[in-house]
Amino acid sequence: MFTYSFATVIVALIVSAYGHDCTKYSLTPSDQSLIDMMKHYLHTSRKADCPVAPAQQDIGVTYVRWGKQTCPENSDTVYTGQAGGNLYTNKGGGSNYLCLPSDPENGKANSYANEGLYGAEYQIHADTKPSGLPASLVEKEVSCAVCRRKGRVSVLMIPGRKSCYKGWQSEYSGFFMSEYKTHNNKDYICMDGDAKPLDNRASNENGALVYPIRTKCGSLRCPPYKDDTEVLCTVCTK
């Protein structure tokens, strides 16, 4: 309403200055100053009301690269660290895996009995490991990196495929993994096909555990799927 009133004043001034017959009349300096002021106000008011499109270089998406402490060449590294989550036997607490930064800002010591944050270990044995991953990963901690892909607006993890659909680009591919079926639930994650350990320590400390997933036909239609096969995955951006 306020802007509309100003606009009405400008129109009235312009009409009075030019007349109804489009003949130009002389303006006093004070008239011209008022018109210029109103034009400037309306111009800046309209700009403030319009959404500002972000610069192309400010657009991007983030994703976790599980099993690696580096990001693909086309992505920036936000931070690196180790995978973690809730203890596999805990009934309460979180059910997702986390990428924990390697430079935490720790809180104060406390004694309440609600430990819910553990490191995550690979449970990849020689007889159960997906093809391409070494059995030497067993009971070593899982590394991770949070990556940012500039110029993209969507990110999607696709289970059951190692390549992206048309119009999407793969950031990395690997194997579908999660907690063991008799343990408490965890999210599914896409473990890099060239996964590496956090370090060389392997002491079977448990915590959040990461196992390969295989298919089971029945309610899962076979074909197109096949029974008892490792599940591939890929992380795609667009």
C-alpha atoms as a PDB file:
ATOM      1  CA  MET A   1       0.000   0.000   0.000  1.00  0.00           C
ATOM      2  CA  PHE A   2       2.885   2.324   0.863  1.00  0.00           C
ATOM      3  CA  THR A   3       4.645   1.606  -2.431  1.00  0.00           C
ATOM      4  CA  TYR A   4       1.366   2.012  -4.286  1.00  0.00           C
ATOM      5  CA  SER A   5       0.871   5.454  -2.742  1.00  0.00           C
ATOM      6  CA  PHE A   6       4.341   6.511  -3.826  1.00  0.00           C
ATOM      7  CA  ALA A   7       3.653   5.228  -7.314  1.00  0.00           C
ATOM      8  CA  THR A   8       0.419   7.206  -7.373  1.00  0.00           C
ATOM      9  CA  VAL A   9       2.314  10.348  -6.406  1.00  0.00           C
ATOM     10  CA  ILE A  10       4.846   9.784  -9.204  1.00  0.00           C
ATOM     11  CA  VAL A  11       2.116   9.229 -11.778  1.00  0.00           C
ATOM     12  CA  ALA A  12       0.301  12.355 -10.584  1.00  0.00           C
ATOM     13  CA  LEU A  13       3.489  14.404 -10.796  1.00  0.00           C
ATOM     14  CA  ILE A  14       4.357  13.103 -14.248  1.00  0.00           C
ATOM     15  CA  VAL A  15       0.821  13.746 -15.495  1.00  0.00           C
ATOM     16  CA  SER A  16       0.897  17.234 -14.055  1.00  0.00           C
ATOM     17  CA  ALA A  17       4.322  17.808 -15.572  1.00  0.00           C
ATOM     18  CA  TYR A  18       3.467  16.581 -19.016  1.00  0.00           C
ATOM     19  CA  GLY A  19      -0.282  17.244 -19.073  1.00  0.00           C
ATOM     20  CA  HIS A  20      -3.001  15.158 -20.629  1.00  0.00           C
ATOM     21  CA  ASP A  21      -2.121  16.241 -24.151  1.00  0.00           C
ATOM     22  CA  CYS A  22       1.455  14.893 -23.875  1.00  0.00           C
ATOM     23  CA  THR A  23       2.811  18.413 -24.095  1.00  0.00           C
ATOM     24  CA  LYS A  24       5.950  18.847 -22.028  1.00  0.00           C
ATOM     25  CA  TYR A  25       5.792  21.522 -19.336  1.00  0.00           C
ATOM     26  CA  SER A  26       8.627  23.014 -17.333  1.00  0.00           C
ATOM     27  CA  LEU A  27       9.354  21.436 -13.952  1.00  0.00           C
ATOM     28  CA  THR A  28      10.609  23.322 -10.976  1.00  0.00           C
ATOM     29  CA  PRO A  29      13.814  21.938  -9.393  1.00  0.00           C
ATOM     30  CA  SER A  30      11.820  20.758  -6.376  1.00  0.00           C
ATOM     31  CA  ASP A  31       9.356  18.850  -8.640  1.00  0.00           C
ATOM     32  CA  GLN A  32      12.186  17.114 -10.483  1.00  0.00           C
ATOM     33  CA  SER A  33      13.943  16.269  -7.223  1.00  0.00           C
ATOM     34  CA  LEU A  34      10.784  14.643  -5.835  1.00  0.00           C
ATOM     35  CA  ILE A  35      10.242  12.604  -9.003  1.00  0.00           C
ATOM     36  CA  ASP A  36      13.870  11.396  -8.978  1.00  0.00           C
ATOM     37  CA  MET A  37      13.574  10.430  -5.319  1.00  0.00           C
ATOM     38  CA  MET A  38      10.395   8.411  -5.918  1.00  0.00           C
ATOM     39  CA  LYS A  39      11.872   6.651  -8.940  1.00  0.00           C
ATOM     40  CA  HIS A  40      14.928   5.678  -6.915  1.00  0.00           C
ATOM     41  CA  TYR A  41      12.748   4.393  -4.067  1.00  0.00           C
ATOM     42  CA  LEU A  42      10.605   2.219  -6.344  1.00  0.00           C
ATOM     43  CA  HIS A  43      13.665   0.847  -8.125  1.00  0.00           C
ATOM     44  CA  THR A  44      15.431  -0.227  -4.927  1.00  0.00           C
ATOM     45  CA  SER A  45      12.183  -1.536  -3.377  1.00  0.00           C
ATOM     46  CA  ARG A  46      11.517  -3.820  -6.335  1.00  0.00           C
ATOM     47  CA  LYS A  47      15.077  -5.159  -6.196  1.00  0.00           C
ATOM     48  CA  ALA A  48      14.743  -5.959  -2.485  1.00  0.00           C
ATOM     49  CA  ASP A  49      11.528  -7.927  -3.078  1.00  0.00           C
ATOM     50  CA  CYS A  50      12.975 -10.094  -5.864  1.00  0.00           C
ATOM     51  CA  PRO A  51      14.825 -13.326  -5.011  1.00  0.00           C
ATOM     52  CA  VAL A  52      18.520 -13.131  -5.759  1.00  0.00           C
ATOM     53  CA  ALA A  53      19.739 -16.031  -7.865  1.00  0.00           C
ATOM     54  CA  PRO A  54      22.899 -17.557  -6.390  1.00  0.00           C
ATOM     55  CA  ALA A  55      26.020 -17.364  -8.456  1.00  0.00           C
ATOM     56  CA  GLN A  56      26.776 -20.527 -10.390  1.00  0.00           C
ATOM     57  CA  GLN A  57      29.885 -21.196  -8.321  1.00  0.00           C
ATOM     58  CA  ASP A  58      27.798 -21.141  -5.117  1.00  0.00           C
ATOM     59  CA  ILE A  59      25.504 -23.973  -6.237  1.00  0.00           C
ATOM     60  CA  GLY A  60      26.445 -27.479  -5.130  1.00  0.00           C
ATOM     61  CA  VAL A  61      25.486 -30.683  -3.331  1.00  0.00           C
ATOM     62  CA  THR A  62      27.188 -32.708  -0.603  1.00  0.00           C
ATOM     63  CA  TYR A  63      27.490 -36.461  -0.177  1.00  0.00           C
ATOM     64  CA  VAL A  64      29.505 -38.928   1.910  1.00  0.00           C
ATOM     65  CA  ARG A  65      32.086 -41.097   0.230  1.00  0.00           C
ATOM     66  CA  TRP A  66      32.175 -44.155   2.479  1.00  0.00           C
ATOM     67  CA  GLY A  67      35.454 -46.074   2.643  1.00  0.00           C
ATOM     68  CA  LYS A  68      37.758 -43.306   1.396  1.00  0.00           C
ATOM     69  CA  GLN A  69      39.460 -40.274   2.909  1.00  0.00           C
ATOM     70  CA  THR A  70      39.619 -38.462  -0.394  1.00  0.00           C
ATOM     71  CA  CYS A  71      36.955 -37.048  -2.703  1.00  0.00           C
ATOM     72  CA  PRO A  72      36.779 -37.542  -6.480  1.00  0.00           C
ATOM     73  CA  GLU A  73      38.796 -35.067  -8.523  1.00  0.00           C
ATOM     74  CA  ASN A  74      35.690 -33.121  -9.545  1.00  0.00           C
ATOM     75  CA  SER A  75      34.570 -32.563  -5.923  1.00  0.00           C
ATOM     76  CA  ASP A  76      35.874 -30.479  -3.036  1.00  0.00           C
ATOM     77  CA  THR A  77      36.650 -32.114   0.299  1.00  0.00           C
ATOM     78  CA  VAL A  78      34.585 -30.611   3.125  1.00  0.00           C
ATOM     79  CA  TYR A  79      36.227 -32.833   5.747  1.00  0.00           C
ATOM     80  CA  THR A  80      37.597 -36.343   6.223  1.00  0.00           C
ATOM     81  CA  GLY A  81      37.297 -38.724   9.135  1.00  0.00           C
ATOM     82  CA  GLN A  82      35.996 -42.095  10.216  1.00  0.00           C
ATOM     83  CA  ALA A  83      32.621 -43.721   9.988  1.00  0.00           C
ATOM     84  CA  GLY A  84      30.719 -44.188  13.222  1.00  0.00           C
ATOM     85  CA  GLY A  85      27.318 -44.956  14.651  1.00  0.00           C
ATOM     86  CA  ASN A  86      25.429 -46.722  17.400  1.00  0.00           C
ATOM     87  CA  LEU A  87      26.652 -49.973  18.975  1.00  0.00           C
ATOM     88  CA  TYR A  88      25.230 -52.886  17.010  1.00  0.00           C
ATOM     89  CA  THR A  89      23.469 -54.307  20.123  1.00  0.00           C
ATOM     90  CA  ASN A  90      21.968 -51.054  21.433  1.00  0.00           C
ATOM     91  CA  LYS A  91      18.161 -50.972  21.397  1.00  0.00           C
ATOM     92  CA  GLY A  92      17.830 -47.199  21.489  1.00  0.00           C
ATOM     93  CA  GLY A  93      19.698 -44.322  19.927  1.00  0.00           C
ATOM     94  CA  GLY A  94      20.437 -43.500  16.334  1.00  0.00           C
ATOM     95  CA  SER A  95      20.117 -45.918  13.454  1.00  0.00           C
ATOM     96  CA  ASN A  96      22.269 -44.137  10.890  1.00  0.00           C
ATOM     97  CA  TYR A  97      25.942 -44.267  10.059  1.00  0.00           C
ATOM     98  CA  LEU A  98      27.820 -40.987  10.510  1.00  0.00           C
ATOM     99  CA  CYS A  99      30.950 -39.554   8.950  1.00  0.00           C
ATOM    100  CA  LEU A 100      32.771 -38.230  12.018  1.00  0.00           C
ATOM    101  CA  PRO A 101      35.378 -35.497  11.411  1.00  0.00           C
ATOM    102  CA  SER A 102      38.992 -36.235  12.315  1.00  0.00           C
ATOM    103  CA  ASP A 103      39.261 -32.894  14.160  1.00  0.00           C
ATOM    104  CA  PRO A 104      36.325 -32.933  16.642  1.00  0.00           C
ATOM    105  CA  GLU A 105      35.608 -30.166  19.134  1.00  0.00           C
ATOM    106  CA  ASN A 106      35.050 -32.311  22.220  1.00  0.00           C
ATOM    107  CA  GLY A 107      32.621 -31.545  25.027  1.00  0.00           C
ATOM    108  CA  LYS A 108      33.152 -31.994  28.771  1.00  0.00           C
ATOM    109  CA  ALA A 109      33.466 -35.420  30.409  1.00  0.00           C
ATOM    110  CA  ASN A 110      30.203 -36.869  31.690  1.00  0.00           C
ATOM    111  CA  SER A 111      29.131 -40.080  33.442  1.00  0.00           C
ATOM    112  CA  TYR A 112      25.584 -40.724  32.221  1.00  0.00           C
ATOM    113  CA  ALA A 113      25.121 -44.246  30.918  1.00  0.00           C
ATOM    114  CA  ASN A 114      24.049 -43.572  27.357  1.00  0.00           C
ATOM    115  CA  GLU A 115      26.987 -44.322  25.104  1.00  0.00           C
ATOM    116  CA  GLY A 116      25.640 -44.100  21.586  1.00  0.00           C
ATOM    117  CA  LEU A 117      28.577 -43.122  19.430  1.00  0.00           C
ATOM    118  CA  TYR A 118      31.101 -45.739  18.364  1.00  0.00           C
ATOM    119  CA  GLY A 119      33.482 -46.175  15.501  1.00  0.00           C
ATOM    120  CA  ALA A 120      32.454 -48.395  12.612  1.00  0.00           C
ATOM    121  CA  GLU A 121      34.354 -51.533  11.608  1.00  0.00           C
ATOM    122  CA  TYR A 122      34.442 -53.468   8.378  1.00  0.00           C
ATOM    123  CA  GLN A 123      33.054 -56.985   8.742  1.00  0.00           C
ATOM    124  CA  ILE A 124      34.411 -58.242   5.441  1.00  0.00           C
ATOM    125  CA  HIS A 125      35.783 -61.762   5.765  1.00  0.00           C
ATOM    126  CA  ALA A 126      37.439 -63.832   3.085  1.00  0.00           C
ATOM    127  CA  ASP A 127      34.346 -65.986   2.554  1.00  0.00           C
ATOM    128  CA  THR A 128      31.821 -63.143   2.554  1.00  0.00           C
ATOM    129  CA  LYS A 129      33.593 -60.173   0.996  1.00  0.00           C
ATOM    130  CA  PRO A 130      32.329 -58.578  -2.214  1.00  0.00           C
ATOM    131  CA  SER A 131      34.527 -59.164  -5.239  1.00  0.00           C
ATOM    132  CA  GLY A 132      37.257 -56.567  -5.514  1.00  0.00           C
ATOM    133  CA  LEU A 133      37.526 -55.732  -1.810  1.00  0.00           C
ATOM    134  CA  PRO A 134      40.431 -57.215   0.175  1.00  0.00           C
ATOM    135  CA  ALA A 135      39.798 -59.494   3.153  1.00  0.00           C
ATOM    136  CA  SER A 136      42.464 -57.493   4.995  1.00  0.00           C
ATOM    137  CA  LEU A 137      39.778 -54.873   5.711  1.00  0.00           C
ATOM    138  CA  VAL A 138      38.155 -57.127   8.309  1.00  0.00           C
ATOM    139  CA  GLU A 139      37.753 -55.496  11.738  1.00  0.00           C
ATOM    140  CA  LYS A 140      39.547 -52.335  10.668  1.00  0.00           C
ATOM    141  CA  GLU A 141      37.822 -48.988  11.072  1.00  0.00           C
ATOM    142  CA  VAL A 142      35.930 -47.471   8.155  1.00  0.00           C
ATOM    143  CA  SER A 143      37.229 -44.230   6.674  1.00  0.00           C
ATOM    144  CA  CYS A 144      35.002 -41.579   5.092  1.00  0.00           C
ATOM    145  CA  ALA A 145      34.979 -38.157   3.473  1.00  0.00           C
ATOM    146  CA  VAL A 146      32.277 -35.528   3.061  1.00  0.00           C
ATOM    147  CA  CYS A 147      32.464 -34.143  -0.469  1.00  0.00           C
ATOM    148  CA  ARG A 148      30.881 -31.170  -2.235  1.00  0.00           C
ATOM    149  CA  ARG A 149      30.185 -31.224  -5.967  1.00  0.00           C
ATOM    150  CA  LYS A 150      29.933 -27.723  -7.409  1.00  0.00           C
ATOM    151  CA  GLY A 151      27.378 -26.827 -10.046  1.00  0.00           C
ATOM    152  CA  ARG A 152      24.965 -29.672  -9.150  1.00  0.00           C
ATOM    153  CA  VAL A 153      21.557 -29.435  -7.500  1.00  0.00           C
ATOM    154  CA  SER A 154      20.622 -33.093  -6.861  1.00  0.00           C
ATOM    155  CA  VAL A 155      22.394 -36.105  -5.367  1.00  0.00           C
ATOM    156  CA  LEU A 156      21.077 -39.672  -5.399  1.00  0.00           C
ATOM    157  CA  MET A 157      22.357 -43.050  -4.228  1.00  0.00           C
ATOM    158  CA  ILE A 158      21.063 -45.827  -6.495  1.00  0.00           C
ATOM    159  CA  PRO A 159      21.124 -49.385  -5.092  1.00  0.00           C
ATOM    160  CA  GLY A 160      21.458 -52.270  -7.504  1.00  0.00           C
ATOM    161  CA  ARG A 161      23.432 -50.377 -10.163  1.00  0.00           C
ATOM    162  CA  LYS A 162      27.056 -49.429 -10.775  1.00  0.00           C
ATOM    163  CA  SER A 163      26.224 -46.754 -13.371  1.00  0.00           C
ATOM    164  CA  CYS A 164      23.900 -43.760 -13.318  1.00  0.00           C
ATOM    165  CA  TYR A 165      20.883 -43.130 -15.510  1.00  0.00           C
ATOM    166  CA  LYS A 166      21.022 -40.779 -18.473  1.00  0.00           C
ATOM    167  CA  GLY A 167      21.580 -37.179 -17.476  1.00  0.00           C
ATOM    168  CA  TRP A 168      23.261 -38.107 -14.170  1.00  0.00           C
ATOM    169  CA  GLN A 169      26.965 -38.455 -13.420  1.00  0.00           C
ATOM    170  CA  SER A 170      28.507 -41.009 -11.078  1.00  0.00           C
ATOM    171  CA  GLU A 171      30.627 -39.590  -8.265  1.00  0.00           C
ATOM    172  CA  TYR A 172      31.716 -43.057  -7.161  1.00  0.00           C
ATOM    173  CA  SER A 173      30.464 -46.651  -7.254  1.00  0.00           C
ATOM    174  CA  GLY A 174      30.808 -49.621  -4.955  1.00  0.00           C
ATOM    175  CA  PHE A 175      28.910 -52.089  -2.805  1.00  0.00           C
ATOM    176  CA  PHE A 176      25.650 -51.815  -0.861  1.00  0.00           C
ATOM    177  CA  MET A 177      26.279 -52.397   2.866  1.00  0.00           C
ATOM    178  CA  SER A 178      24.638 -52.130   6.263  1.00  0.00           C
ATOM    179  CA  GLU A 179      24.429 -53.795   9.697  1.00  0.00           C
ATOM    180  CA  TYR A 180      24.025 -57.582  10.039  1.00  0.00           C
ATOM    181  CA  LYS A 181      20.460 -58.871   9.778  1.00  0.00           C
ATOM    182  CA  THR A 182      20.216 -60.019  13.431  1.00  0.00           C
ATOM    183  CA  HIS A 183      21.662 -56.758  14.776  1.00  0.00           C
ATOM    184  CA  ASN A 184      19.794 -53.531  15.328  1.00  0.00           C
ATOM    185  CA  ASN A 185      18.998 -51.586  12.198  1.00  0.00           C
ATOM    186  CA  LYS A 186      21.328 -49.189  10.415  1.00  0.00           C
ATOM    187  CA  ASP A 187      20.866 -47.248   7.211  1.00  0.00           C
ATOM    188  CA  TYR A 188      22.085 -48.701   3.954  1.00  0.00           C
ATOM    189  CA  ILE A 189      25.219 -47.042   2.615  1.00  0.00           C
ATOM    190  CA  CYS A 190      27.190 -47.240  -0.623  1.00  0.00           C
ATOM    191  CA  MET A 191      30.721 -48.360   0.244  1.00  0.00           C
ATOM    192  CA  ASP A 192      33.382 -47.319  -2.260  1.00  0.00           C
ATOM    193  CA  GLY A 193      34.524 -50.171  -4.485  1.00  0.00           C
ATOM    194  CA  ASP A 194      38.103 -49.306  -3.562  1.00  0.00           C
ATOM    195  CA  ALA A 195      37.470 -48.929   0.170  1.00  0.00           C
ATOM    196  CA  LYS A 196      40.399 -48.321   2.498  1.00  0.00           C
ATOM    197  CA  PRO A 197      40.769 -48.618   6.293  1.00  0.00           C
ATOM    198  CA  LEU A 198      41.114 -45.624   8.573  1.00  0.00           C
ATOM    199  CA  ASP A 199      44.472 -47.005   9.765  1.00  0.00           C
ATOM    200  CA  ASN A 200      46.194 -50.365  10.105  1.00  0.00           C
ATOM    201  CA  ARG A 201      44.929 -51.183  13.601  1.00  0.00           C
ATOM    202  CA  ALA A 202      42.621 -54.200  13.723  1.00  0.00           C
ATOM    203  CA  SER A 203      41.613 -55.112  17.285  1.00  0.00           C
ATOM    204  CA  ASN A 204      37.987 -56.248  16.908  1.00  0.00           C
ATOM    205  CA  GLU A 205      36.594 -53.537  19.187  1.00  0.00           C
ATOM    206  CA  ASN A 206      33.167 -53.733  17.525  1.00  0.00           C
ATOM    207  CA  GLY A 207      30.837 -50.735  17.713  1.00  0.00           C
ATOM    208  CA  ALA A 208      28.891 -49.945  14.567  1.00  0.00           C
ATOM    209  CA  LEU A 209      29.519 -52.773  12.112  1.00  0.00           C
ATOM    210  CA  VAL A 210      29.382 -52.765   8.322  1.00  0.00           C
ATOM    211  CA  TYR A 211      28.521 -55.925   6.371  1.00  0.00           C
ATOM    212  CA  PRO A 212      27.995 -56.593   2.669  1.00  0.00           C
ATOM    213  CA  ILE A 213      24.390 -57.109   1.557  1.00  0.00           C
ATOM    214  CA  ARG A 214      23.172 -59.807  -0.808  1.00  0.00           C
ATOM    215  CA  THR A 215      19.868 -60.295  -2.581  1.00  0.00           C
ATOM    216  CA  LYS A 216      17.109 -62.715  -1.618  1.00  0.00           C
ATOM    217  CA  CYS A 217      14.545 -63.594  -4.266  1.00  0.00           C
ATOM    218  CA  GLY A 218      10.855 -63.916  -3.471  1.00  0.00           C
ATOM    219  CA  SER A 219       9.215 -60.609  -2.832  1.00  0.00           C
ATOM    220  CA  LEU A 220      12.294 -59.300  -4.655  1.00  0.00           C
ATOM    221  CA  ARG A 221      11.542 -60.243  -8.250  1.00  0.00           C
ATOM    222  CA  CYS A 222      14.088 -62.475  -9.990  1.00  0.00           C
ATOM    223  CA  PRO A 223      14.490 -61.668 -12.798  1.00  0.00           C
ATOM    224  CA  PRO A 224      15.408 -58.882 -13.125  1.00  0.00           C
ATOM    225  CA  TYR A 225      17.425 -59.501  -9.929  1.00  0.00           C
ATOM    226  CA  LYS A 226      19.414 -62.658  -9.216  1.00  0.00           C
ATOM    227  CA  ASP A 227      19.379 -64.630  -5.987  1.00  0.00           C
ATOM    228  CA  ASP A 228      22.283 -64.494  -3.507  1.00  0.00           C
ATOM    229  CA  THR A 229      24.304 -61.897  -5.388  1.00  0.00           C
ATOM    230  CA  GLU A 230      26.230 -58.921  -4.039  1.00  0.00           C
ATOM    231  CA  VAL A 231      24.392 -55.650  -4.415  1.00  0.00           C
ATOM    232  CA  LEU A 232      26.173 -52.891  -6.321  1.00  0.00           C
ATOM    233  CA  CYS A 233      25.517 -49.185  -5.866  1.00  0.00           C
ATOM    234  CA  THR A 234      26.484 -45.783  -7.180  1.00  0.00           C
ATOM    235  CA  VAL A 235      26.203 -42.182  -5.993  1.00  0.00           C
ATOM    236  CA  CYS A 236      25.002 -39.861  -8.763  1.00  0.00           C
ATOM    237  CA  THR A 237      24.673 -36.102  -9.141  1.00  0.00           C
ATOM    238  CA  LYS A 238      22.882 -33.849 -11.606  1.00  0.00           C
END
